[in-house]
Amino acid sequence: KKRFADAVEDIRTGKLSGAMGTYTVITPAVEARACEILG
């Protein structure tokens, strides 16, 4: 249970940084806020 709880927390990660992850159009602030909204 502990191992899996750690894995669930690890997977609780969003990514909204664009095509290569370099924020070509979207911004880190938008990514952070959207992820916050989603928990």
PDB file of all heavy atoms in Angstrom:
ATOM      1  N   LYS A   1       0.825  -1.201   0.000  1.00  0.00           N
ATOM      2  CA  LYS A   1       0.000   0.000   0.000  1.00  0.00           C
ATOM      3  C   LYS A   1       0.864   1.258   0.000  1.00  0.00           C
ATOM      4  O   LYS A   1       0.581   2.221  -0.736  1.00  0.00           O
ATOM      5  CB  LYS A   1      -0.933   0.003   1.217  1.00  0.00           C
ATOM      6  CG  LYS A   1      -1.821   1.241   1.286  1.00  0.00           C
ATOM      7  CD  LYS A   1      -2.616   1.299   2.575  1.00  0.00           C
ATOM      8  CE  LYS A   1      -3.354   2.637   2.657  1.00  0.00           C
ATOM      9  NZ  LYS A   1      -4.056   2.806   3.953  1.00  0.00           N
ATOM     10  N   LYS A   2       1.914   1.260   0.800  1.00  0.00           N
ATOM     11  CA  LYS A   2       2.795   2.425   0.857  1.00  0.00           C
ATOM     12  C   LYS A   2       3.477   2.653  -0.484  1.00  0.00           C
ATOM     13  O   LYS A   2       3.549   3.795  -0.972  1.00  0.00           O
ATOM     14  CB  LYS A   2       3.846   2.247   1.957  1.00  0.00           C
ATOM     15  CG  LYS A   2       4.790   3.445   2.093  1.00  0.00           C
ATOM     16  CD  LYS A   2       5.824   3.228   3.167  1.00  0.00           C
ATOM     17  CE  LYS A   2       6.699   4.473   3.346  1.00  0.00           C
ATOM     18  NZ  LYS A   2       7.387   4.872   2.111  1.00  0.00           N
ATOM     19  N   ARG A   3       3.991   1.574  -1.090  1.00  0.00           N
ATOM     20  CA  ARG A   3       4.630   1.717  -2.394  1.00  0.00           C
ATOM     21  C   ARG A   3       3.657   2.285  -3.411  1.00  0.00           C
ATOM     22  O   ARG A   3       3.996   3.184  -4.202  1.00  0.00           O
ATOM     23  CB  ARG A   3       5.153   0.353  -2.877  1.00  0.00           C
ATOM     24  CG  ARG A   3       6.518  -0.023  -2.348  1.00  0.00           C
ATOM     25  CD  ARG A   3       7.026  -1.281  -3.012  1.00  0.00           C
ATOM     26  NE  ARG A   3       6.293  -2.461  -2.575  1.00  0.00           N
ATOM     27  CZ  ARG A   3       6.704  -3.284  -1.610  1.00  0.00           C
ATOM     28  NH1 ARG A   3       7.847  -3.053  -0.989  1.00  0.00           N
ATOM     29  NH2 ARG A   3       5.985  -4.330  -1.270  1.00  0.00           N
ATOM     30  N   PHE A   4       2.438   1.764  -3.417  1.00  0.00           N
ATOM     31  CA  PHE A   4       1.477   2.221  -4.418  1.00  0.00           C
ATOM     32  C   PHE A   4       1.010   3.641  -4.122  1.00  0.00           C
ATOM     33  O   PHE A   4       0.799   4.432  -5.049  1.00  0.00           O
ATOM     34  CB  PHE A   4       0.286   1.267  -4.496  1.00  0.00           C
ATOM     35  CG  PHE A   4      -0.668   1.607  -5.607  1.00  0.00           C
ATOM     36  CD1 PHE A   4      -0.234   1.616  -6.928  1.00  0.00           C
ATOM     37  CD2 PHE A   4      -1.979   1.941  -5.338  1.00  0.00           C
ATOM     38  CE1 PHE A   4      -1.107   1.949  -7.966  1.00  0.00           C
ATOM     39  CE2 PHE A   4      -2.859   2.272  -6.357  1.00  0.00           C
ATOM     40  CZ  PHE A   4      -2.426   2.272  -7.678  1.00  0.00           C
ATOM     41  N   ALA A   5       0.855   3.990  -2.847  1.00  0.00           N
ATOM     42  CA  ALA A   5       0.489   5.369  -2.504  1.00  0.00           C
ATOM     43  C   ALA A   5       1.551   6.345  -3.005  1.00  0.00           C
ATOM     44  O   ALA A   5       1.239   7.428  -3.515  1.00  0.00           O
ATOM     45  CB  ALA A   5       0.303   5.511  -0.998  1.00  0.00           C
ATOM     46  N   ASP A   6       2.813   5.966  -2.869  1.00  0.00           N
ATOM     47  CA  ASP A   6       3.899   6.800  -3.400  1.00  0.00           C
ATOM     48  C   ASP A   6       3.790   6.930  -4.917  1.00  0.00           C
ATOM     49  O   ASP A   6       4.021   7.997  -5.483  1.00  0.00           O
ATOM     50  CB  ASP A   6       5.261   6.200  -3.036  1.00  0.00           C
ATOM     51  CG  ASP A   6       5.567   6.295  -1.550  1.00  0.00           C
ATOM     52  OD1 ASP A   6       4.911   7.102  -0.855  1.00  0.00           O
ATOM     53  OD2 ASP A   6       6.460   5.564  -1.082  1.00  0.00           O
ATOM     54  N   ALA A   7       3.436   5.831  -5.581  1.00  0.00           N
ATOM     55  CA  ALA A   7       3.307   5.855  -7.043  1.00  0.00           C
ATOM     56  C   ALA A   7       2.132   6.718  -7.479  1.00  0.00           C
ATOM     57  O   ALA A   7       2.214   7.431  -8.497  1.00  0.00           O
ATOM     58  CB  ALA A   7       3.142   4.433  -7.569  1.00  0.00           C
ATOM     59  N   VAL A   8       1.041   6.678  -6.734  1.00  0.00           N
ATOM     60  CA  VAL A   8      -0.116   7.522  -7.063  1.00  0.00           C
ATOM     61  C   VAL A   8       0.256   8.991  -6.925  1.00  0.00           C
ATOM     62  O   VAL A   8      -0.115   9.830  -7.760  1.00  0.00           O
ATOM     63  CB  VAL A   8      -1.326   7.165  -6.168  1.00  0.00           C
ATOM     64  CG1 VAL A   8      -2.462   8.168  -6.362  1.00  0.00           C
ATOM     65  CG2 VAL A   8      -1.810   5.749  -6.478  1.00  0.00           C
ATOM     66  N   GLU A   9       0.997   9.311  -5.879  1.00  0.00           N
ATOM     67  CA  GLU A   9       1.439  10.694  -5.714  1.00  0.00           C
ATOM     68  C   GLU A   9       2.395  11.091  -6.834  1.00  0.00           C
ATOM     69  O   GLU A   9       2.355  12.226  -7.327  1.00  0.00           O
ATOM     70  CB  GLU A   9       2.110  10.858  -4.354  1.00  0.00           C
ATOM     71  CG  GLU A   9       2.642  12.258  -4.062  1.00  0.00           C
ATOM     72  CD  GLU A   9       1.573  13.339  -4.080  1.00  0.00           C
ATOM     73  OE1 GLU A   9       0.375  13.005  -3.905  1.00  0.00           O
ATOM     74  OE2 GLU A   9       1.939  14.514  -4.282  1.00  0.00           O
ATOM     75  N   ASP A  10       3.230  10.175  -7.255  1.00  0.00           N
ATOM     76  CA  ASP A  10       4.181  10.444  -8.337  1.00  0.00           C
ATOM     77  C   ASP A  10       3.468  10.711  -9.653  1.00  0.00           C
ATOM     78  O   ASP A  10       3.868  11.583 -10.437  1.00  0.00           O
ATOM     79  CB  ASP A  10       5.127   9.247  -8.482  1.00  0.00           C
ATOM     80  CG  ASP A  10       6.378   9.572  -9.280  1.00  0.00           C
ATOM     81  OD1 ASP A  10       6.740  10.764  -9.360  1.00  0.00           O
ATOM     82  OD2 ASP A  10       7.001   8.636  -9.815  1.00  0.00           O
ATOM     83  N   ILE A  11       2.400   9.956  -9.906  1.00  0.00           N
ATOM     84  CA  ILE A  11       1.674  10.105 -11.176  1.00  0.00           C
ATOM     85  C   ILE A  11       0.753  11.322 -11.146  1.00  0.00           C
ATOM     86  O   ILE A  11       0.238  11.739 -12.184  1.00  0.00           O
ATOM     87  CB  ILE A  11       0.884   8.820 -11.498  1.00  0.00           C
ATOM     88  CG1 ILE A  11       0.675   8.679 -13.020  1.00  0.00           C
ATOM     89  CG2 ILE A  11      -0.473   8.801 -10.807  1.00  0.00           C
ATOM     90  CD1 ILE A  11       1.916   8.395 -13.790  1.00  0.00           C
ATOM     91  N   ARG A  12       0.564  11.918  -9.967  1.00  0.00           N
ATOM     92  CA  ARG A  12      -0.329  13.091  -9.854  1.00  0.00           C
ATOM     93  C   ARG A  12       0.387  14.332 -10.419  1.00  0.00           C
ATOM     94  O   ARG A  12       0.584  15.326  -9.738  1.00  0.00           O
ATOM     95  CB  ARG A  12      -0.732  13.296  -8.395  1.00  0.00           C
ATOM     96  CG  ARG A  12      -1.885  14.269  -8.190  1.00  0.00           C
ATOM     97  CD  ARG A  12      -2.278  14.374  -6.717  1.00  0.00           C
ATOM     98  NE  ARG A  12      -1.204  14.895  -5.891  1.00  0.00           N
ATOM     99  CZ  ARG A  12      -0.942  16.205  -5.739  1.00  0.00           C
ATOM    100  NH1 ARG A  12      -1.671  17.114  -6.390  1.00  0.00           N
ATOM    101  NH2 ARG A  12       0.047  16.592  -4.950  1.00  0.00           N
ATOM    102  N   THR A  13       0.762  14.220 -11.685  1.00  0.00           N
ATOM    103  CA  THR A  13       1.598  15.222 -12.335  1.00  0.00           C
ATOM    104  C   THR A  13       1.038  15.559 -13.703  1.00  0.00           C
ATOM    105  O   THR A  13       0.830  14.666 -14.533  1.00  0.00           O
ATOM    106  CB  THR A  13       3.045  14.696 -12.489  1.00  0.00           C
ATOM    107  OG1 THR A  13       3.548  14.336 -11.199  1.00  0.00           O
ATOM    108  CG2 THR A  13       3.943  15.735 -13.120  1.00  0.00           C
ATOM    109  N   GLY A  14       0.803  16.850 -13.942  1.00  0.00           N
ATOM    110  CA  GLY A  14       0.333  17.301 -15.241  1.00  0.00           C
ATOM    111  C   GLY A  14       1.445  17.931 -16.049  1.00  0.00           C
ATOM    112  O   GLY A  14       2.490  18.326 -15.516  1.00  0.00           O
ATOM    113  N   LYS A  15       1.187  18.058 -17.334  1.00  0.00           N
ATOM    114  CA  LYS A  15       2.173  18.625 -18.256  1.00  0.00           C
ATOM    115  C   LYS A  15       1.434  19.446 -19.296  1.00  0.00           C
ATOM    116  O   LYS A  15       0.625  18.918 -20.069  1.00  0.00           O
ATOM    117  CB  LYS A  15       2.968  17.489 -18.903  1.00  0.00           C
ATOM    118  CG  LYS A  15       4.015  17.949 -19.914  1.00  0.00           C
ATOM    119  CD  LYS A  15       3.498  17.956 -21.330  1.00  0.00           C
ATOM    120  CE  LYS A  15       4.582  18.486 -22.262  1.00  0.00           C
ATOM    121  NZ  LYS A  15       4.056  18.830 -23.597  1.00  0.00           N
ATOM    122  N   LEU A  16       1.650  20.755 -19.309  1.00  0.00           N
ATOM    123  CA  LEU A  16       0.986  21.661 -20.257  1.00  0.00           C
ATOM    124  C   LEU A  16       2.016  22.664 -20.773  1.00  0.00           C
ATOM    125  O   LEU A  16       1.841  23.876 -20.662  1.00  0.00           O
ATOM    126  CB  LEU A  16      -0.187  22.374 -19.571  1.00  0.00           C
ATOM    127  CG  LEU A  16      -1.288  21.444 -19.029  1.00  0.00           C
ATOM    128  CD1 LEU A  16      -2.151  22.161 -18.010  1.00  0.00           C
ATOM    129  CD2 LEU A  16      -2.129  20.904 -20.172  1.00  0.00           C
ATOM    130  N   SER A  17       3.106  22.124 -21.329  1.00  0.00           N
ATOM    131  CA  SER A  17       4.235  22.974 -21.707  1.00  0.00           C
ATOM    132  C   SER A  17       4.499  23.020 -23.212  1.00  0.00           C
ATOM    133  O   SER A  17       5.541  23.473 -23.657  1.00  0.00           O
ATOM    134  CB  SER A  17       5.496  22.485 -20.995  1.00  0.00           C
ATOM    135  OG  SER A  17       5.680  21.093 -21.194  1.00  0.00           O
ATOM    136  N   GLY A  18       3.532  22.532 -23.995  1.00  0.00           N
ATOM    137  CA  GLY A  18       3.644  22.677 -25.434  1.00  0.00           C
ATOM    138  C   GLY A  18       4.377  21.555 -26.133  1.00  0.00           C
ATOM    139  O   GLY A  18       4.736  20.536 -25.529  1.00  0.00           O
ATOM    140  N   ALA A  19       4.633  21.782 -27.412  1.00  0.00           N
ATOM    141  CA  ALA A  19       5.059  20.714 -28.323  1.00  0.00           C
ATOM    142  C   ALA A  19       6.349  20.028 -27.914  1.00  0.00           C
ATOM    143  O   ALA A  19       6.470  18.810 -28.016  1.00  0.00           O
ATOM    144  CB  ALA A  19       5.186  21.271 -29.734  1.00  0.00           C
ATOM    145  N   MET A  20       7.338  20.763 -27.466  1.00  0.00           N
ATOM    146  CA  MET A  20       8.586  20.155 -27.024  1.00  0.00           C
ATOM    147  C   MET A  20       8.840  20.346 -25.538  1.00  0.00           C
ATOM    148  O   MET A  20       9.905  20.018 -25.020  1.00  0.00           O
ATOM    149  CB  MET A  20       9.778  20.734 -27.803  1.00  0.00           C
ATOM    150  CG  MET A  20       9.849  20.325 -29.257  1.00  0.00           C
ATOM    151  SD  MET A  20      10.156  18.552 -29.487  1.00  0.00           S
ATOM    152  CE  MET A  20       8.582  18.012 -30.156  1.00  0.00           C
ATOM    153  N   GLY A  21       7.869  20.918 -24.849  1.00  0.00           N
ATOM    154  CA  GLY A  21       8.015  21.162 -23.426  1.00  0.00           C
ATOM    155  C   GLY A  21       8.707  22.472 -23.101  1.00  0.00           C
ATOM    156  O   GLY A  21       9.099  22.702 -21.952  1.00  0.00           O
ATOM    157  N   THR A  22       8.844  23.358 -24.093  1.00  0.00           N
ATOM    158  CA  THR A  22       9.602  24.607 -23.919  1.00  0.00           C
ATOM    159  C   THR A  22       8.713  25.849 -23.872  1.00  0.00           C
ATOM    160  O   THR A  22       9.213  26.963 -23.943  1.00  0.00           O
ATOM    161  CB  THR A  22      10.634  24.751 -25.034  1.00  0.00           C
ATOM    162  OG1 THR A  22       9.965  24.683 -26.304  1.00  0.00           O
ATOM    163  CG2 THR A  22      11.687  23.643 -24.956  1.00  0.00           C
ATOM    164  N   TYR A  23       7.385  25.666 -23.774  1.00  0.00           N
ATOM    165  CA  TYR A  23       6.451  26.791 -23.632  1.00  0.00           C
ATOM    166  C   TYR A  23       6.545  27.757 -24.820  1.00  0.00           C
ATOM    167  O   TYR A  23       6.663  28.970 -24.659  1.00  0.00           O
ATOM    168  CB  TYR A  23       6.711  27.549 -22.324  1.00  0.00           C
ATOM    169  CG  TYR A  23       6.699  26.678 -21.085  1.00  0.00           C
ATOM    170  CD1 TYR A  23       7.889  26.236 -20.513  1.00  0.00           C
ATOM    171  CD2 TYR A  23       5.508  26.289 -20.484  1.00  0.00           C
ATOM    172  CE1 TYR A  23       7.901  25.435 -19.378  1.00  0.00           C
ATOM    173  CE2 TYR A  23       5.496  25.489 -19.350  1.00  0.00           C
ATOM    174  CZ  TYR A  23       6.697  25.069 -18.800  1.00  0.00           C
ATOM    175  OH  TYR A  23       6.700  24.278 -17.674  1.00  0.00           O
ATOM    176  N   THR A  24       6.441  27.223 -26.029  1.00  0.00           N
ATOM    177  CA  THR A  24       6.501  28.064 -27.226  1.00  0.00           C
ATOM    178  C   THR A  24       5.370  29.093 -27.235  1.00  0.00           C
ATOM    179  O   THR A  24       5.587  30.273 -27.559  1.00  0.00           O
ATOM    180  CB  THR A  24       6.414  27.200 -28.494  1.00  0.00           C
ATOM    181  OG1 THR A  24       7.468  26.229 -28.456  1.00  0.00           O
ATOM    182  CG2 THR A  24       6.548  28.046 -29.748  1.00  0.00           C
ATOM    183  N   VAL A  25       4.182  28.697 -26.874  1.00  0.00           N
ATOM    184  CA  VAL A  25       3.021  29.603 -26.832  1.00  0.00           C
ATOM    185  C   VAL A  25       2.489  29.710 -25.406  1.00  0.00           C
ATOM    186  O   VAL A  25       2.324  30.799 -24.866  1.00  0.00           O
ATOM    187  CB  VAL A  25       1.911  29.122 -27.784  1.00  0.00           C
ATOM    188  CG1 VAL A  25       0.664  30.011 -27.652  1.00  0.00           C
ATOM    189  CG2 VAL A  25       2.400  29.115 -29.235  1.00  0.00           C
ATOM    190  N   ILE A  26       2.206  28.561 -24.820  1.00  0.00           N
ATOM    191  CA  ILE A  26       1.693  28.555 -23.443  1.00  0.00           C
ATOM    192  C   ILE A  26       2.813  28.984 -22.500  1.00  0.00           C
ATOM    193  O   ILE A  26       4.000  28.994 -22.876  1.00  0.00           O
ATOM    194  CB  ILE A  26       1.173  27.145 -23.101  1.00  0.00           C
ATOM    195  CG1 ILE A  26       0.140  27.191 -21.974  1.00  0.00           C
ATOM    196  CG2 ILE A  26       2.320  26.193 -22.790  1.00  0.00           C
ATOM    197  CD1 ILE A  26      -0.632  25.901 -21.788  1.00  0.00           C
ATOM    198  N   THR A  27       2.471  29.346 -21.279  1.00  0.00           N
ATOM    199  CA  THR A  27       3.474  29.839 -20.324  1.00  0.00           C
ATOM    200  C   THR A  27       3.521  28.962 -19.081  1.00  0.00           C
ATOM    201  O   THR A  27       2.543  28.269 -18.760  1.00  0.00           O
ATOM    202  CB  THR A  27       3.143  31.277 -19.888  1.00  0.00           C
ATOM    203  OG1 THR A  27       1.934  31.245 -19.089  1.00  0.00           O
ATOM    204  CG2 THR A  27       2.943  32.193 -21.089  1.00  0.00           C
ATOM    205  N   PRO A  28       4.633  28.984 -18.361  1.00  0.00           N
ATOM    206  CA  PRO A  28       4.694  28.233 -17.099  1.00  0.00           C
ATOM    207  C   PRO A  28       3.597  28.640 -16.125  1.00  0.00           C
ATOM    208  O   PRO A  28       3.081  27.797 -15.368  1.00  0.00           O
ATOM    209  CB  PRO A  28       6.085  28.575 -16.559  1.00  0.00           C
ATOM    210  CG  PRO A  28       6.898  28.876 -17.773  1.00  0.00           C
ATOM    211  CD  PRO A  28       5.948  29.572 -18.708  1.00  0.00           C
ATOM    212  N   ALA A  29       3.231  29.911 -16.141  1.00  0.00           N
ATOM    213  CA  ALA A  29       2.193  30.380 -15.220  1.00  0.00           C
ATOM    214  C   ALA A  29       0.840  29.753 -15.563  1.00  0.00           C
ATOM    215  O   ALA A  29       0.076  29.366 -14.659  1.00  0.00           O
ATOM    216  CB  ALA A  29       2.099  31.903 -15.263  1.00  0.00           C
ATOM    217  N   VAL A  30       0.533  29.649 -16.846  1.00  0.00           N
ATOM    218  CA  VAL A  30      -0.725  29.033 -17.263  1.00  0.00           C
ATOM    219  C   VAL A  30      -0.715  27.548 -16.917  1.00  0.00           C
ATOM    220  O   VAL A  30      -1.700  26.996 -16.424  1.00  0.00           O
ATOM    221  CB  VAL A  30      -0.962  29.253 -18.775  1.00  0.00           C
ATOM    222  CG1 VAL A  30      -2.139  28.404 -19.265  1.00  0.00           C
ATOM    223  CG2 VAL A  30      -1.233  30.721 -19.065  1.00  0.00           C
ATOM    224  N   GLU A  31       0.400  26.887 -17.177  1.00  0.00           N
ATOM    225  CA  GLU A  31       0.526  25.472 -16.827  1.00  0.00           C
ATOM    226  C   GLU A  31       0.299  25.268 -15.331  1.00  0.00           C
ATOM    227  O   GLU A  31      -0.473  24.389 -14.919  1.00  0.00           O
ATOM    228  CB  GLU A  31       1.901  24.946 -17.221  1.00  0.00           C
ATOM    229  CG  GLU A  31       2.121  23.491 -16.821  1.00  0.00           C
ATOM    230  CD  GLU A  31       3.554  23.035 -17.043  1.00  0.00           C
ATOM    231  OE1 GLU A  31       4.493  23.713 -16.564  1.00  0.00           O
ATOM    232  OE2 GLU A  31       3.730  21.976 -17.677  1.00  0.00           O
ATOM    233  N   ALA A  32       0.982  26.057 -14.511  1.00  0.00           N
ATOM    234  CA  ALA A  32       0.887  25.896 -13.065  1.00  0.00           C
ATOM    235  C   ALA A  32      -0.540  26.119 -12.576  1.00  0.00           C
ATOM    236  O   ALA A  32      -1.047  25.373 -11.729  1.00  0.00           O
ATOM    237  CB  ALA A  32       1.849  26.856 -12.369  1.00  0.00           C
ATOM    238  N   ARG A  33      -1.193  27.141 -13.123  1.00  0.00           N
ATOM    239  CA  ARG A  33      -2.550  27.455 -12.684  1.00  0.00           C
ATOM    240  C   ARG A  33      -3.537  26.383 -13.138  1.00  0.00           C
ATOM    241  O   ARG A  33      -4.395  25.959 -12.354  1.00  0.00           O
ATOM    242  CB  ARG A  33      -2.972  28.825 -13.231  1.00  0.00           C
ATOM    243  CG  ARG A  33      -4.407  29.218 -12.904  1.00  0.00           C
ATOM    244  CD  ARG A  33      -4.659  29.263 -11.411  1.00  0.00           C
ATOM    245  NE  ARG A  33      -6.041  29.604 -11.107  1.00  0.00           N
ATOM    246  CZ  ARG A  33      -6.752  29.045 -10.148  1.00  0.00           C
ATOM    247  NH1 ARG A  33      -6.210  28.122  -9.349  1.00  0.00           N
ATOM    248  NH2 ARG A  33      -8.006  29.402  -9.940  1.00  0.00           N
ATOM    249  N   ALA A  34      -3.400  25.897 -14.365  1.00  0.00           N
ATOM    250  CA  ALA A  34      -4.300  24.854 -14.861  1.00  0.00           C
ATOM    251  C   ALA A  34      -4.140  23.575 -14.039  1.00  0.00           C
ATOM    252  O   ALA A  34      -5.129  22.927 -13.678  1.00  0.00           O
ATOM    253  CB  ALA A  34      -4.036  24.583 -16.334  1.00  0.00           C
ATOM    254  N   CYS A  35      -2.900  23.223 -13.734  1.00  0.00           N
ATOM    255  CA  CYS A  35      -2.671  22.030 -12.915  1.00  0.00           C
ATOM    256  C   CYS A  35      -3.246  22.209 -11.511  1.00  0.00           C
ATOM    257  O   CYS A  35      -3.805  21.266 -10.929  1.00  0.00           O
ATOM    258  CB  CYS A  35      -1.180  21.712 -12.848  1.00  0.00           C
ATOM    259  SG  CYS A  35      -0.510  21.000 -14.373  1.00  0.00           S
ATOM    260  N   GLU A  36      -3.111  23.408 -10.973  1.00  0.00           N
ATOM    261  CA  GLU A  36      -3.691  23.690  -9.653  1.00  0.00           C
ATOM    262  C   GLU A  36      -5.199  23.499  -9.683  1.00  0.00           C
ATOM    263  O   GLU A  36      -5.791  22.922  -8.762  1.00  0.00           O
ATOM    264  CB  GLU A  36      -3.346  25.114  -9.236  1.00  0.00           C
ATOM    265  CG  GLU A  36      -3.887  25.498  -7.869  1.00  0.00           C
ATOM    266  CD  GLU A  36      -3.608  26.951  -7.512  1.00  0.00           C
ATOM    267  OE1 GLU A  36      -3.330  27.758  -8.425  1.00  0.00           O
ATOM    268  OE2 GLU A  36      -3.686  27.287  -6.317  1.00  0.00           O
ATOM    269  N   ILE A  37      -5.846  23.992 -10.720  1.00  0.00           N
ATOM    270  CA  ILE A  37      -7.293  23.829 -10.866  1.00  0.00           C
ATOM    271  C   ILE A  37      -7.673  22.351 -10.883  1.00  0.00           C
ATOM    272  O   ILE A  37      -8.681  21.942 -10.311  1.00  0.00           O
ATOM    273  CB  ILE A  37      -7.779  24.534 -12.154  1.00  0.00           C
ATOM    274  CG1 ILE A  37      -7.661  26.054 -12.007  1.00  0.00           C
ATOM    275  CG2 ILE A  37      -9.218  24.147 -12.483  1.00  0.00           C
ATOM    276  CD1 ILE A  37      -7.847  26.821 -13.298  1.00  0.00           C
ATOM    277  N   LEU A  38      -6.830  21.552 -11.527  1.00  0.00           N
ATOM    278  CA  LEU A  38      -7.103  20.120 -11.676  1.00  0.00           C
ATOM    279  C   LEU A  38      -6.670  19.294 -10.475  1.00  0.00           C
ATOM    280  O   LEU A  38      -6.938  18.096 -10.410  1.00  0.00           O
ATOM    281  CB  LEU A  38      -6.390  19.598 -12.924  1.00  0.00           C
ATOM    282  CG  LEU A  38      -6.880  20.161 -14.263  1.00  0.00           C
ATOM    283  CD1 LEU A  38      -5.902  19.809 -15.373  1.00  0.00           C
ATOM    284  CD2 LEU A  38      -8.279  19.642 -14.584  1.00  0.00           C
ATOM    285  N   GLY A  39      -5.976  19.915  -9.525  1.00  0.00           N
ATOM    286  CA  GLY A  39      -5.491  19.176  -8.370  1.00  0.00           C
ATOM    287  C   GLY A  39      -4.241  18.374  -8.656  1.00  0.00           C
ATOM    288  O   GLY A  39      -3.966  17.363  -7.994  1.00  0.00           O
TER     289      GLY A  39
END
